[in-house]
Amino acid sequence: MATSLANTTSTRADSASRHMLQCRVHRDRLLSWTDTQCNNNELQRNKHRYSLTKDELAVDVTQQMDPHSDQYGRRSQPYPMVLSSFHGLSSVANDVYACLMYSSTPFHSDRHELFQVLKHQDFAKADEGHTALSPADHSHVKTLPYFRTMGYSVGTAYAHENTGDTIASVMIGGITTVLNGAFPLQTGDRVMWYLTKAEADMFDPAGRRILMKGNPSIPMKGNPMEQADAFSHGDVKDFVERVRKESKRLKNDTKSQSRNKVQFMKNVNGFELAGNEAKSEVALIKPFHYRFSSDGDIERVFAVCISPAAPFEMVDIMISRQSM
């Protein structure tokens, strides 16, 4: 596969038609993910980790998966409320989101029934091999935002007003050069986004969803959410771990040279920094494959690829809501 033109020439694509929108970083949403759910010092002390930085994908988080589950969706806002960093969102909430986006989940038709189970105290209780969820972790699940594509930031905005401007211009239409995710893109591919922490291991090396058929030796078969019936956070975690184990097996079958290049590009782009310096919990892009796609995948398609790119290379895309 040819390498990315943007990566090889260190140039950026641009278009005369650039549709821009002013957006504000959703401070309150990020605060709800801190240890005390109102730790302003955390947002100020690690301002770069929570900021919306140039060339990062901005995702609207005004609405919730379960309507009226928190107070943020009821407020009138003069600007779209977005974020690019998902730091602080609990692992169980990430796993729940990965399951909601999975192909076999009745995401739209049974969303209310699914959240009736997720909100119930039984979901947070300890079960075999898993400890009980903390009130904070369970709150993250109950108030999981309805992540929706906004566009790419062309400036920098901070989560807290004490550390800088909280509003940035976001490009919602036009041609731009951005960072590719963990899967190769080809010219003409439809482009969707995914959460790196929650979903990076839910796809095979080509970016297609890994479907679990169910192992007769394992009591739980398929996605625990697909029947909108009683299930526990342990069922969700076990299912996600099974998919990730399959993903690891598939990735181990790829050539070591390809793995070494991916690791090198991750280091170049700061995804493997030591300690807490890496801002790795962000949304990245990947090719959209119609086969085995879920309702959540279809909703997240927002662009068309106009140049090929290997994983974690810069790539030219055309942002367009008509990309489907």
C-alpha atoms as a PDB file:
ATOM      1  CA  MET A   1       0.000   0.000   0.000  1.00  0.00           C
ATOM      2  CA  ALA A   2       1.284   3.447  -0.889  1.00  0.00           C
ATOM      3  CA  THR A   3       2.164   5.610   2.042  1.00  0.00           C
ATOM      4  CA  SER A   4       0.204   8.757   2.786  1.00  0.00           C
ATOM      5  CA  LEU A   5       0.931  11.753   0.564  1.00  0.00           C
ATOM      6  CA  ALA A   6       0.435  14.013   3.571  1.00  0.00           C
ATOM      7  CA  ASN A   7       2.935  12.014   5.615  1.00  0.00           C
ATOM      8  CA  THR A   8       5.556  11.761   2.834  1.00  0.00           C
ATOM      9  CA  THR A   9       5.576  15.404   1.744  1.00  0.00           C
ATOM     10  CA  SER A  10       4.743  16.934   5.158  1.00  0.00           C
ATOM     11  CA  THR A  11       2.078  19.055   3.499  1.00  0.00           C
ATOM     12  CA  ARG A  12      -1.543  19.718   4.395  1.00  0.00           C
ATOM     13  CA  ALA A  13      -4.585  19.498   2.167  1.00  0.00           C
ATOM     14  CA  ASP A  14      -6.909  22.485   2.155  1.00  0.00           C
ATOM     15  CA  SER A  15     -10.035  23.612   0.375  1.00  0.00           C
ATOM     16  CA  ALA A  16     -11.515  26.999  -0.450  1.00  0.00           C
ATOM     17  CA  SER A  17     -14.754  25.922   1.209  1.00  0.00           C
ATOM     18  CA  ARG A  18     -14.106  25.564   4.949  1.00  0.00           C
ATOM     19  CA  HIS A  19     -17.195  25.400   7.119  1.00  0.00           C
ATOM     20  CA  MET A  20     -16.373  26.484  10.656  1.00  0.00           C
ATOM     21  CA  LEU A  21     -18.265  26.516  13.936  1.00  0.00           C
ATOM     22  CA  GLN A  22     -17.357  27.892  17.365  1.00  0.00           C
ATOM     23  CA  CYS A  23     -17.481  25.159  20.040  1.00  0.00           C
ATOM     24  CA  ARG A  24     -16.889  25.144  23.792  1.00  0.00           C
ATOM     25  CA  VAL A  25     -15.148  22.407  25.775  1.00  0.00           C
ATOM     26  CA  HIS A  26     -17.705  20.764  28.074  1.00  0.00           C
ATOM     27  CA  ARG A  27     -16.090  21.464  31.447  1.00  0.00           C
ATOM     28  CA  ASP A  28     -18.958  20.051  33.512  1.00  0.00           C
ATOM     29  CA  ARG A  29     -18.907  16.753  31.615  1.00  0.00           C
ATOM     30  CA  LEU A  30     -15.167  16.377  32.221  1.00  0.00           C
ATOM     31  CA  LEU A  31     -15.614  17.372  35.864  1.00  0.00           C
ATOM     32  CA  SER A  32     -18.160  14.578  36.299  1.00  0.00           C
ATOM     33  CA  TRP A  33     -15.427  12.112  35.287  1.00  0.00           C
ATOM     34  CA  THR A  34     -12.886  13.303  37.876  1.00  0.00           C
ATOM     35  CA  ASP A  35     -12.316  11.464  41.162  1.00  0.00           C
ATOM     36  CA  THR A  36     -14.666  13.671  43.187  1.00  0.00           C
ATOM     37  CA  GLN A  37     -16.929  14.519  40.213  1.00  0.00           C
ATOM     38  CA  CYS A  38     -16.114  18.204  40.805  1.00  0.00           C
ATOM     39  CA  ASN A  39     -12.308  18.359  40.945  1.00  0.00           C
ATOM     40  CA  ASN A  40     -11.538  21.710  39.304  1.00  0.00           C
ATOM     41  CA  ASN A  41      -7.898  21.440  40.383  1.00  0.00           C
ATOM     42  CA  GLU A  42      -7.489  18.315  38.228  1.00  0.00           C
ATOM     43  CA  LEU A  43      -8.689  20.154  35.111  1.00  0.00           C
ATOM     44  CA  GLN A  44      -6.356  23.071  35.830  1.00  0.00           C
ATOM     45  CA  ARG A  45      -3.328  21.020  36.865  1.00  0.00           C
ATOM     46  CA  ASN A  46      -3.510  18.766  33.775  1.00  0.00           C
ATOM     47  CA  LYS A  47      -4.918  21.348  31.384  1.00  0.00           C
ATOM     48  CA  HIS A  48      -3.302  19.852  28.282  1.00  0.00           C
ATOM     49  CA  ARG A  49      -4.737  16.394  28.966  1.00  0.00           C
ATOM     50  CA  TYR A  50      -8.292  17.764  28.975  1.00  0.00           C
ATOM     51  CA  SER A  51      -7.886  20.403  26.272  1.00  0.00           C
ATOM     52  CA  LEU A  52      -9.263  20.431  22.741  1.00  0.00           C
ATOM     53  CA  THR A  53      -6.101  20.751  20.671  1.00  0.00           C
ATOM     54  CA  LYS A  54      -5.553  21.646  17.030  1.00  0.00           C
ATOM     55  CA  ASP A  55      -6.247  18.720  14.654  1.00  0.00           C
ATOM     56  CA  GLU A  56      -8.110  16.685  17.277  1.00  0.00           C
ATOM     57  CA  LEU A  57     -11.588  15.355  16.567  1.00  0.00           C
ATOM     58  CA  ALA A  58     -14.223  17.251  18.545  1.00  0.00           C
ATOM     59  CA  VAL A  59     -17.194  15.145  19.670  1.00  0.00           C
ATOM     60  CA  ASP A  60     -20.468  16.638  20.884  1.00  0.00           C
ATOM     61  CA  VAL A  61     -21.439  15.392  24.369  1.00  0.00           C
ATOM     62  CA  THR A  62     -24.529  17.460  25.135  1.00  0.00           C
ATOM     63  CA  GLN A  63     -27.002  14.575  24.952  1.00  0.00           C
ATOM     64  CA  GLN A  64     -27.079  11.304  26.889  1.00  0.00           C
ATOM     65  CA  MET A  65     -27.622   7.761  25.705  1.00  0.00           C
ATOM     66  CA  ASP A  66     -30.430   7.572  28.232  1.00  0.00           C
ATOM     67  CA  PRO A  67     -32.417  10.838  27.953  1.00  0.00           C
ATOM     68  CA  HIS A  68     -32.671  12.964  31.109  1.00  0.00           C
ATOM     69  CA  SER A  69     -30.138  10.864  32.990  1.00  0.00           C
ATOM     70  CA  ASP A  70     -28.274  14.001  34.091  1.00  0.00           C
ATOM     71  CA  GLN A  71     -28.771  17.748  34.123  1.00  0.00           C
ATOM     72  CA  TYR A  72     -26.420  18.683  31.286  1.00  0.00           C
ATOM     73  CA  GLY A  73     -28.837  17.911  28.473  1.00  0.00           C
ATOM     74  CA  ARG A  74     -31.481  20.244  29.905  1.00  0.00           C
ATOM     75  CA  ARG A  75     -29.381  23.388  29.695  1.00  0.00           C
ATOM     76  CA  SER A  76     -29.591  25.849  26.810  1.00  0.00           C
ATOM     77  CA  GLN A  77     -26.086  26.457  25.462  1.00  0.00           C
ATOM     78  CA  PRO A  78     -25.030  29.239  23.054  1.00  0.00           C
ATOM     79  CA  TYR A  79     -22.263  27.006  21.628  1.00  0.00           C
ATOM     80  CA  PRO A  80     -22.072  23.270  20.904  1.00  0.00           C
ATOM     81  CA  MET A  81     -20.462  21.549  23.889  1.00  0.00           C
ATOM     82  CA  VAL A  82     -17.645  19.227  22.837  1.00  0.00           C
ATOM     83  CA  LEU A  83     -14.549  17.423  24.038  1.00  0.00           C
ATOM     84  CA  SER A  84     -11.680  15.498  22.497  1.00  0.00           C
ATOM     85  CA  SER A  85     -10.213  13.891  25.624  1.00  0.00           C
ATOM     86  CA  PHE A  86     -12.030  10.997  27.281  1.00  0.00           C
ATOM     87  CA  HIS A  87      -9.599  10.846  30.183  1.00  0.00           C
ATOM     88  CA  GLY A  88     -11.425   9.993  33.400  1.00  0.00           C
ATOM     89  CA  LEU A  89     -14.249   7.998  31.828  1.00  0.00           C
ATOM     90  CA  SER A  90     -14.212   4.712  33.740  1.00  0.00           C
ATOM     91  CA  SER A  91     -13.153   1.414  32.178  1.00  0.00           C
ATOM     92  CA  VAL A  92     -16.591  -0.123  32.743  1.00  0.00           C
ATOM     93  CA  ALA A  93     -18.227   2.805  30.933  1.00  0.00           C
ATOM     94  CA  ASN A  94     -15.771   2.282  28.076  1.00  0.00           C
ATOM     95  CA  ASP A  95     -16.690  -1.415  27.977  1.00  0.00           C
ATOM     96  CA  VAL A  96     -20.417  -0.606  27.993  1.00  0.00           C
ATOM     97  CA  TYR A  97     -19.921   1.814  25.103  1.00  0.00           C
ATOM     98  CA  ALA A  98     -17.962  -0.824  23.163  1.00  0.00           C
ATOM     99  CA  CYS A  99     -20.841  -3.277  23.652  1.00  0.00           C
ATOM    100  CA  LEU A 100     -23.452  -0.691  22.646  1.00  0.00           C
ATOM    101  CA  MET A 101     -21.541  -0.095  19.415  1.00  0.00           C
ATOM    102  CA  TYR A 102     -21.142  -3.817  18.728  1.00  0.00           C
ATOM    103  CA  SER A 103     -22.866  -5.181  15.630  1.00  0.00           C
ATOM    104  CA  SER A 104     -25.429  -7.425  17.310  1.00  0.00           C
ATOM    105  CA  THR A 105     -26.694  -4.871  19.844  1.00  0.00           C
ATOM    106  CA  PRO A 106     -30.252  -3.600  19.197  1.00  0.00           C
ATOM    107  CA  PHE A 107     -28.840  -0.130  19.765  1.00  0.00           C
ATOM    108  CA  HIS A 108     -31.816   1.968  18.691  1.00  0.00           C
ATOM    109  CA  SER A 109     -34.820  -0.290  19.083  1.00  0.00           C
ATOM    110  CA  ASP A 110     -34.039  -1.417  22.639  1.00  0.00           C
ATOM    111  CA  ARG A 111     -31.899   1.419  23.990  1.00  0.00           C
ATOM    112  CA  HIS A 112     -34.431   2.277  26.710  1.00  0.00           C
ATOM    113  CA  GLU A 113     -34.640  -1.339  27.869  1.00  0.00           C
ATOM    114  CA  LEU A 114     -30.860  -1.668  27.839  1.00  0.00           C
ATOM    115  CA  PHE A 115     -30.446   1.337  30.106  1.00  0.00           C
ATOM    116  CA  GLN A 116     -33.127   0.116  32.461  1.00  0.00           C
ATOM    117  CA  VAL A 117     -30.763  -2.784  33.136  1.00  0.00           C
ATOM    118  CA  LEU A 118     -27.638  -0.602  33.204  1.00  0.00           C
ATOM    119  CA  LYS A 119     -29.173   1.852  35.690  1.00  0.00           C
ATOM    120  CA  HIS A 120     -30.423  -0.827  38.079  1.00  0.00           C
ATOM    121  CA  GLN A 121     -28.445  -1.465  41.253  1.00  0.00           C
ATOM    122  CA  ASP A 122     -28.150  -5.141  40.301  1.00  0.00           C
ATOM    123  CA  PHE A 123     -25.796  -4.123  37.485  1.00  0.00           C
ATOM    124  CA  ALA A 124     -23.390  -2.567  40.014  1.00  0.00           C
ATOM    125  CA  LYS A 125     -23.395  -5.525  42.413  1.00  0.00           C
ATOM    126  CA  ALA A 126     -20.464  -7.883  42.762  1.00  0.00           C
ATOM    127  CA  ASP A 127     -20.712 -11.100  40.779  1.00  0.00           C
ATOM    128  CA  GLU A 128     -18.526 -14.129  40.223  1.00  0.00           C
ATOM    129  CA  GLY A 129     -14.956 -13.009  39.656  1.00  0.00           C
ATOM    130  CA  HIS A 130     -15.783  -9.284  39.676  1.00  0.00           C
ATOM    131  CA  THR A 131     -16.005  -6.726  42.444  1.00  0.00           C
ATOM    132  CA  ALA A 132     -18.921  -4.325  42.791  1.00  0.00           C
ATOM    133  CA  LEU A 133     -18.858  -1.057  40.884  1.00  0.00           C
ATOM    134  CA  SER A 134     -18.163   2.122  42.803  1.00  0.00           C
ATOM    135  CA  PRO A 135     -20.938   4.743  42.803  1.00  0.00           C
ATOM    136  CA  ALA A 136     -18.760   6.932  40.556  1.00  0.00           C
ATOM    137  CA  ASP A 137     -18.204   4.163  37.987  1.00  0.00           C
ATOM    138  CA  HIS A 138     -21.891   3.292  37.963  1.00  0.00           C
ATOM    139  CA  SER A 139     -22.705   6.987  37.472  1.00  0.00           C
ATOM    140  CA  HIS A 140     -20.433   7.074  34.412  1.00  0.00           C
ATOM    141  CA  VAL A 141     -22.415   4.191  32.930  1.00  0.00           C
ATOM    142  CA  LYS A 142     -25.838   5.681  33.699  1.00  0.00           C
ATOM    143  CA  THR A 143     -24.929   9.105  32.251  1.00  0.00           C
ATOM    144  CA  LEU A 144     -22.943   7.878  29.248  1.00  0.00           C
ATOM    145  CA  PRO A 145     -23.073  10.654  26.618  1.00  0.00           C
ATOM    146  CA  TYR A 146     -24.487  10.190  23.145  1.00  0.00           C
ATOM    147  CA  PHE A 147     -21.203  10.909  21.366  1.00  0.00           C
ATOM    148  CA  ARG A 148     -21.805  12.674  18.042  1.00  0.00           C
ATOM    149  CA  THR A 149     -19.368  13.908  15.434  1.00  0.00           C
ATOM    150  CA  MET A 150     -18.699  17.636  15.302  1.00  0.00           C
ATOM    151  CA  GLY A 151     -15.460  18.106  13.343  1.00  0.00           C
ATOM    152  CA  TYR A 152     -11.750  18.874  13.668  1.00  0.00           C
ATOM    153  CA  SER A 153     -10.443  21.684  15.819  1.00  0.00           C
ATOM    154  CA  VAL A 154      -8.313  24.355  14.138  1.00  0.00           C
ATOM    155  CA  GLY A 155      -7.260  25.929  17.445  1.00  0.00           C
ATOM    156  CA  THR A 156      -6.799  25.103  21.101  1.00  0.00           C
ATOM    157  CA  ALA A 157      -9.397  25.384  23.862  1.00  0.00           C
ATOM    158  CA  TYR A 158      -9.111  24.411  27.511  1.00  0.00           C
ATOM    159  CA  ALA A 159     -11.597  22.717  29.796  1.00  0.00           C
ATOM    160  CA  HIS A 160     -11.326  25.299  32.586  1.00  0.00           C
ATOM    161  CA  GLU A 161     -11.597  29.058  32.113  1.00  0.00           C
ATOM    162  CA  ASN A 162      -8.726  29.682  34.564  1.00  0.00           C
ATOM    163  CA  THR A 163      -6.240  28.019  32.195  1.00  0.00           C
ATOM    164  CA  GLY A 164      -7.186  29.717  28.920  1.00  0.00           C
ATOM    165  CA  ASP A 165      -9.852  30.201  26.295  1.00  0.00           C
ATOM    166  CA  THR A 166     -12.578  27.553  26.453  1.00  0.00           C
ATOM    167  CA  ILE A 167     -13.834  28.119  22.886  1.00  0.00           C
ATOM    168  CA  ALA A 168     -12.176  27.006  19.648  1.00  0.00           C
ATOM    169  CA  SER A 169     -13.111  27.006  15.987  1.00  0.00           C
ATOM    170  CA  VAL A 170     -14.051  23.553  14.704  1.00  0.00           C
ATOM    171  CA  MET A 171     -14.015  22.628  11.024  1.00  0.00           C
ATOM    172  CA  ILE A 172     -17.295  20.846  10.274  1.00  0.00           C
ATOM    173  CA  GLY A 173     -16.938  20.645   6.482  1.00  0.00           C
ATOM    174  CA  GLY A 174     -14.164  20.751   3.877  1.00  0.00           C
ATOM    175  CA  ILE A 175     -10.868  19.016   3.075  1.00  0.00           C
ATOM    176  CA  THR A 176      -8.262  18.675   5.803  1.00  0.00           C
ATOM    177  CA  THR A 177      -5.249  16.602   6.863  1.00  0.00           C
ATOM    178  CA  VAL A 178      -5.627  14.631  10.094  1.00  0.00           C
ATOM    179  CA  LEU A 179      -4.090  11.744  12.004  1.00  0.00           C
ATOM    180  CA  ASN A 180      -5.235   8.268  10.979  1.00  0.00           C
ATOM    181  CA  GLY A 181      -6.036   5.665  13.626  1.00  0.00           C
ATOM    182  CA  ALA A 182      -4.830   2.096  14.009  1.00  0.00           C
ATOM    183  CA  PHE A 183      -6.168   0.778  10.675  1.00  0.00           C
ATOM    184  CA  PRO A 184      -5.067   1.399   7.057  1.00  0.00           C
ATOM    185  CA  LEU A 185      -7.177   3.766   4.967  1.00  0.00           C
ATOM    186  CA  GLN A 186      -7.570   3.655   1.190  1.00  0.00           C
ATOM    187  CA  THR A 187      -8.739   6.349  -1.210  1.00  0.00           C
ATOM    188  CA  GLY A 188     -12.524   6.346  -1.376  1.00  0.00           C
ATOM    189  CA  ASP A 189     -13.061   4.668   1.990  1.00  0.00           C
ATOM    190  CA  ARG A 190     -15.874   6.021   4.125  1.00  0.00           C
ATOM    191  CA  VAL A 191     -14.414   7.298   7.376  1.00  0.00           C
ATOM    192  CA  MET A 192     -15.838   6.816  10.871  1.00  0.00           C
ATOM    193  CA  TRP A 193     -14.366   7.477  14.299  1.00  0.00           C
ATOM    194  CA  TYR A 194     -13.849   5.205  17.278  1.00  0.00           C
ATOM    195  CA  LEU A 195     -12.756   5.574  20.899  1.00  0.00           C
ATOM    196  CA  THR A 196      -9.178   4.384  21.237  1.00  0.00           C
ATOM    197  CA  LYS A 197      -9.501   2.984  24.766  1.00  0.00           C
ATOM    198  CA  ALA A 198     -12.893   1.346  24.292  1.00  0.00           C
ATOM    199  CA  GLU A 199     -12.810   0.080  20.733  1.00  0.00           C
ATOM    200  CA  ALA A 200      -9.275  -0.186  19.358  1.00  0.00           C
ATOM    201  CA  ASP A 201      -9.374  -3.967  19.912  1.00  0.00           C
ATOM    202  CA  MET A 202     -12.912  -4.492  18.613  1.00  0.00           C
ATOM    203  CA  PHE A 203     -11.727  -4.619  14.980  1.00  0.00           C
ATOM    204  CA  ASP A 204      -9.434  -6.881  12.971  1.00  0.00           C
ATOM    205  CA  PRO A 205      -6.203  -5.522  11.384  1.00  0.00           C
ATOM    206  CA  ALA A 206      -8.165  -4.278   8.322  1.00  0.00           C
ATOM    207  CA  GLY A 207     -10.685  -2.381  10.460  1.00  0.00           C
ATOM    208  CA  ARG A 208     -13.593  -4.833  10.156  1.00  0.00           C
ATOM    209  CA  ARG A 209     -15.612  -5.715  13.258  1.00  0.00           C
ATOM    210  CA  ILE A 210     -14.674  -8.954  14.994  1.00  0.00           C
ATOM    211  CA  LEU A 211     -17.820 -11.017  15.401  1.00  0.00           C
ATOM    212  CA  MET A 212     -17.955 -13.478  18.280  1.00  0.00           C
ATOM    213  CA  LYS A 213     -20.103 -16.489  17.383  1.00  0.00           C
ATOM    214  CA  GLY A 214     -20.238 -17.836  20.917  1.00  0.00           C
ATOM    215  CA  ASN A 215     -18.185 -20.684  22.321  1.00  0.00           C
ATOM    216  CA  PRO A 216     -20.255 -23.623  23.639  1.00  0.00           C
ATOM    217  CA  SER A 217     -17.718 -24.102  26.451  1.00  0.00           C
ATOM    218  CA  ILE A 218     -18.394 -20.560  27.694  1.00  0.00           C
ATOM    219  CA  PRO A 219     -21.824 -19.995  29.321  1.00  0.00           C
ATOM    220  CA  MET A 220     -22.169 -16.475  27.932  1.00  0.00           C
ATOM    221  CA  LYS A 221     -22.729 -16.481  24.168  1.00  0.00           C
ATOM    222  CA  GLY A 222     -22.467 -13.360  22.047  1.00  0.00           C
ATOM    223  CA  ASN A 223     -23.018  -9.803  23.180  1.00  0.00           C
ATOM    224  CA  PRO A 224     -24.687  -9.755  26.631  1.00  0.00           C
ATOM    225  CA  MET A 225     -26.731  -6.719  25.596  1.00  0.00           C
ATOM    226  CA  GLU A 226     -28.242  -8.140  22.439  1.00  0.00           C
ATOM    227  CA  GLN A 227     -31.398  -9.409  24.147  1.00  0.00           C
ATOM    228  CA  ALA A 228     -31.957  -6.345  26.367  1.00  0.00           C
ATOM    229  CA  ASP A 229     -32.392  -8.667  29.335  1.00  0.00           C
ATOM    230  CA  ALA A 230     -30.732  -8.887  32.735  1.00  0.00           C
ATOM    231  CA  PHE A 231     -26.932  -8.910  32.580  1.00  0.00           C
ATOM    232  CA  SER A 232     -24.105  -7.738  34.848  1.00  0.00           C
ATOM    233  CA  HIS A 233     -20.994  -5.615  34.433  1.00  0.00           C
ATOM    234  CA  GLY A 234     -19.067  -8.882  34.678  1.00  0.00           C
ATOM    235  CA  ASP A 235     -20.839 -10.190  31.565  1.00  0.00           C
ATOM    236  CA  VAL A 236     -19.913  -6.996  29.713  1.00  0.00           C
ATOM    237  CA  LYS A 237     -16.274  -7.168  30.828  1.00  0.00           C
ATOM    238  CA  ASP A 238     -15.947 -10.858  29.966  1.00  0.00           C
ATOM    239  CA  PHE A 239     -17.397 -10.306  26.504  1.00  0.00           C
ATOM    240  CA  VAL A 240     -15.085  -7.378  25.759  1.00  0.00           C
ATOM    241  CA  GLU A 241     -12.093  -9.379  26.972  1.00  0.00           C
ATOM    242  CA  ARG A 242     -13.037 -12.255  24.656  1.00  0.00           C
ATOM    243  CA  VAL A 243     -13.211  -9.911  21.668  1.00  0.00           C
ATOM    244  CA  ARG A 244      -9.894  -8.316  22.594  1.00  0.00           C
ATOM    245  CA  LYS A 245      -8.269 -11.716  22.965  1.00  0.00           C
ATOM    246  CA  GLU A 246      -9.441 -12.600  19.455  1.00  0.00           C
ATOM    247  CA  SER A 247      -8.151  -9.259  18.205  1.00  0.00           C
ATOM    248  CA  LYS A 248      -4.741  -9.942  19.732  1.00  0.00           C
ATOM    249  CA  ARG A 249      -4.610 -13.330  18.017  1.00  0.00           C
ATOM    250  CA  LEU A 250      -5.421 -11.773  14.641  1.00  0.00           C
ATOM    251  CA  LYS A 251      -2.855  -9.016  15.090  1.00  0.00           C
ATOM    252  CA  ASN A 252      -0.170 -11.537  16.022  1.00  0.00           C
ATOM    253  CA  ASP A 253      -0.688 -13.129  12.616  1.00  0.00           C
ATOM    254  CA  THR A 254       0.399  -9.917  10.848  1.00  0.00           C
ATOM    255  CA  LYS A 255       3.983  -9.345   9.771  1.00  0.00           C
ATOM    256  CA  SER A 256       6.385  -8.158  12.469  1.00  0.00           C
ATOM    257  CA  GLN A 257       7.589  -5.416  10.098  1.00  0.00           C
ATOM    258  CA  SER A 258       4.093  -3.930  10.038  1.00  0.00           C
ATOM    259  CA  ARG A 259       3.857  -4.116  13.826  1.00  0.00           C
ATOM    260  CA  ASN A 260       7.213  -2.363  14.176  1.00  0.00           C
ATOM    261  CA  LYS A 261       6.116   0.464  11.872  1.00  0.00           C
ATOM    262  CA  VAL A 262       2.852   0.934  13.776  1.00  0.00           C
ATOM    263  CA  GLN A 263       4.788   1.080  17.059  1.00  0.00           C
ATOM    264  CA  PHE A 264       7.195   3.623  15.553  1.00  0.00           C
ATOM    265  CA  MET A 265       4.347   5.837  14.326  1.00  0.00           C
ATOM    266  CA  LYS A 266       2.653   5.642  17.738  1.00  0.00           C
ATOM    267  CA  ASN A 267       5.884   6.813  19.350  1.00  0.00           C
ATOM    268  CA  VAL A 268       6.233   9.658  16.837  1.00  0.00           C
ATOM    269  CA  ASN A 269       2.703  10.845  17.545  1.00  0.00           C
ATOM    270  CA  GLY A 270       3.021  10.635  21.330  1.00  0.00           C
ATOM    271  CA  PHE A 271       0.735   7.672  22.031  1.00  0.00           C
ATOM    272  CA  GLU A 272       3.400   5.760  23.963  1.00  0.00           C
ATOM    273  CA  LEU A 273       4.786   8.461  26.249  1.00  0.00           C
ATOM    274  CA  ALA A 274       5.757   7.371  29.746  1.00  0.00           C
ATOM    275  CA  GLY A 275       3.755   8.179  32.848  1.00  0.00           C
ATOM    276  CA  ASN A 276       0.692  10.386  32.554  1.00  0.00           C
ATOM    277  CA  GLU A 277       2.003  12.560  29.727  1.00  0.00           C
ATOM    278  CA  ALA A 278       0.337  10.688  26.866  1.00  0.00           C
ATOM    279  CA  LYS A 279      -3.033  11.966  25.699  1.00  0.00           C
ATOM    280  CA  SER A 280      -4.116   8.641  24.272  1.00  0.00           C
ATOM    281  CA  GLU A 281      -7.802   8.554  25.272  1.00  0.00           C
ATOM    282  CA  VAL A 282      -9.098  10.390  22.230  1.00  0.00           C
ATOM    283  CA  ALA A 283     -11.242   9.644  19.184  1.00  0.00           C
ATOM    284  CA  LEU A 284      -9.386   8.559  16.047  1.00  0.00           C
ATOM    285  CA  ILE A 285     -10.586   7.619  12.572  1.00  0.00           C
ATOM    286  CA  LYS A 286     -10.807   4.296  10.759  1.00  0.00           C
ATOM    287  CA  PRO A 287     -12.315   2.904   7.548  1.00  0.00           C
ATOM    288  CA  PHE A 288     -16.014   2.075   7.688  1.00  0.00           C
ATOM    289  CA  HIS A 289     -16.981  -1.373   6.423  1.00  0.00           C
ATOM    290  CA  TYR A 290     -20.648  -1.906   5.584  1.00  0.00           C
ATOM    291  CA  ARG A 291     -20.522  -5.608   6.347  1.00  0.00           C
ATOM    292  CA  PHE A 292     -20.991  -6.375  10.051  1.00  0.00           C
ATOM    293  CA  SER A 293     -21.400  -2.677  10.860  1.00  0.00           C
ATOM    294  CA  SER A 294     -23.691  -1.593  13.675  1.00  0.00           C
ATOM    295  CA  ASP A 295     -26.159   1.274  13.955  1.00  0.00           C
ATOM    296  CA  GLY A 296     -23.565   3.086  16.036  1.00  0.00           C
ATOM    297  CA  ASP A 297     -20.937   2.629  13.319  1.00  0.00           C
ATOM    298  CA  ILE A 298     -23.232   4.022  10.633  1.00  0.00           C
ATOM    299  CA  GLU A 299     -24.004   7.091  12.751  1.00  0.00           C
ATOM    300  CA  ARG A 300     -20.312   7.825  13.167  1.00  0.00           C
ATOM    301  CA  VAL A 301     -19.463   7.983   9.451  1.00  0.00           C
ATOM    302  CA  PHE A 302     -18.624  11.608   8.706  1.00  0.00           C
ATOM    303  CA  ALA A 303     -15.979  11.805   5.955  1.00  0.00           C
ATOM    304  CA  VAL A 304     -14.413  10.283   2.838  1.00  0.00           C
ATOM    305  CA  CYS A 305     -10.724   9.395   2.544  1.00  0.00           C
ATOM    306  CA  ILE A 306      -9.027  11.074  -0.443  1.00  0.00           C
ATOM    307  CA  SER A 307      -5.512   9.612  -0.034  1.00  0.00           C
ATOM    308  CA  PRO A 308      -4.228   6.265   1.269  1.00  0.00           C
ATOM    309  CA  ALA A 309      -2.533   6.071   4.653  1.00  0.00           C
ATOM    310  CA  ALA A 310      -0.987   3.440   6.895  1.00  0.00           C
ATOM    311  CA  PRO A 311      -1.891   3.279  10.601  1.00  0.00           C
ATOM    312  CA  PHE A 312      -1.037   6.414  12.580  1.00  0.00           C
ATOM    313  CA  GLU A 313       0.020   8.375   9.495  1.00  0.00           C
ATOM    314  CA  MET A 314      -1.374  11.732   8.450  1.00  0.00           C
ATOM    315  CA  VAL A 315      -4.186  11.373   5.912  1.00  0.00           C
ATOM    316  CA  ASP A 316      -6.304  13.672   3.751  1.00  0.00           C
ATOM    317  CA  ILE A 317     -10.056  13.445   4.267  1.00  0.00           C
ATOM    318  CA  MET A 318     -13.132  15.335   3.078  1.00  0.00           C
ATOM    319  CA  ILE A 319     -15.515  16.047   5.948  1.00  0.00           C
ATOM    320  CA  SER A 320     -19.036  15.666   4.632  1.00  0.00           C
ATOM    321  CA  ARG A 321     -22.305  14.694   6.244  1.00  0.00           C
ATOM    322  CA  GLN A 322     -23.317  13.337   2.822  1.00  0.00           C
ATOM    323  CA  SER A 323     -20.463  10.802   2.926  1.00  0.00           C
ATOM    324  CA  MET A 324     -22.908   7.889   3.218  1.00  0.00           C
END
